Amino acid sequence: MTGNILAQTRNADGLGCRITANDEKKDERYTNEVSAYVYCFVKSA
């Protein structure tokens, strides 16, 4: 299984992503920068 999430914002105070599998967190990232870009990627779950 492969999971990939990309997100981008221009006017928010923060941005984050999380990938879970079988109720277990596999990847989580968060940023509170202006014009933020964040990604989560998991090769196997």
C-alpha atoms as a PDB file:
ATOM      1  CA  MET A   1       0.000   0.000   0.000  1.00  0.00           C
ATOM      2  CA  THR A   2       1.210   3.500  -0.810  1.00  0.00           C
ATOM      3  CA  GLY A   3      -0.263   6.700   0.570  1.00  0.00           C
ATOM      4  CA  ASN A   4       0.579  10.215  -0.538  1.00  0.00           C
ATOM      5  CA  ILE A   5      -1.013  13.530   0.470  1.00  0.00           C
ATOM      6  CA  LEU A   6       0.000  16.979  -0.784  1.00  0.00           C
ATOM      7  CA  ALA A   7      -1.500  20.231   0.453  1.00  0.00           C
ATOM      8  CA  GLN A   8      -0.834  23.906  -0.088  1.00  0.00           C
ATOM      9  CA  THR A   9      -2.385  27.097   1.278  1.00  0.00           C
ATOM     10  CA  ARG A  10      -1.935  30.826   0.855  1.00  0.00           C
ATOM     11  CA  ASN A  11      -4.049  32.410   3.586  1.00  0.00           C
ATOM     12  CA  ALA A  12      -4.199  29.987   6.524  1.00  0.00           C
ATOM     13  CA  ASP A  13      -2.432  30.068   9.895  1.00  0.00           C
ATOM     14  CA  GLY A  14      -1.417  26.420   9.690  1.00  0.00           C
ATOM     15  CA  LEU A  15      -1.587  23.302   7.576  1.00  0.00           C
ATOM     16  CA  GLY A  16      -1.112  19.632   8.359  1.00  0.00           C
ATOM     17  CA  CYS A  17      -1.584  16.109   7.104  1.00  0.00           C
ATOM     18  CA  ARG A  18      -1.802  12.677   8.683  1.00  0.00           C
ATOM     19  CA  ILE A  19      -1.883   9.147   7.271  1.00  0.00           C
ATOM     20  CA  THR A  20      -3.244   6.334   9.429  1.00  0.00           C
ATOM     21  CA  ALA A  21      -3.653   2.618   8.762  1.00  0.00           C
ATOM     22  CA  ASN A  22      -5.439   0.212  11.093  1.00  0.00           C
ATOM     23  CA  ASP A  23      -5.800   3.033  13.656  1.00  0.00           C
ATOM     24  CA  GLU A  24      -2.005   3.521  13.741  1.00  0.00           C
ATOM     25  CA  LYS A  25      -0.437   6.852  12.765  1.00  0.00           C
ATOM     26  CA  LYS A  26       2.090   6.261   9.977  1.00  0.00           C
ATOM     27  CA  ASP A  27       3.065   9.858   9.135  1.00  0.00           C
ATOM     28  CA  GLU A  28       2.070  13.297  10.379  1.00  0.00           C
ATOM     29  CA  ARG A  29       3.428  16.741   9.533  1.00  0.00           C
ATOM     30  CA  TYR A  30       2.329  20.245  10.419  1.00  0.00           C
ATOM     31  CA  THR A  31       3.541  23.755   9.656  1.00  0.00           C
ATOM     32  CA  ASN A  32       2.313  27.182  10.691  1.00  0.00           C
ATOM     33  CA  GLU A  33       4.091  29.216   8.017  1.00  0.00           C
ATOM     34  CA  VAL A  34       2.423  31.638   5.599  1.00  0.00           C
ATOM     35  CA  SER A  35       1.889  30.163   2.110  1.00  0.00           C
ATOM     36  CA  ALA A  36       2.558  26.728   3.569  1.00  0.00           C
ATOM     37  CA  TYR A  37       3.208  23.494   1.685  1.00  0.00           C
ATOM     38  CA  VAL A  38       3.202  20.130   3.447  1.00  0.00           C
ATOM     39  CA  TYR A  39       3.244  16.487   2.414  1.00  0.00           C
ATOM     40  CA  CYS A  40       2.815  13.075   4.007  1.00  0.00           C
ATOM     41  CA  PHE A  41       4.074   9.901   2.355  1.00  0.00           C
ATOM     42  CA  VAL A  42       3.954   6.255   3.440  1.00  0.00           C
ATOM     43  CA  LYS A  43       5.368   3.385   1.377  1.00  0.00           C
ATOM     44  CA  SER A  44       3.709   0.555   3.300  1.00  0.00           C
ATOM     45  CA  ALA A  45       1.227   0.296   6.125  1.00  0.00           C
END
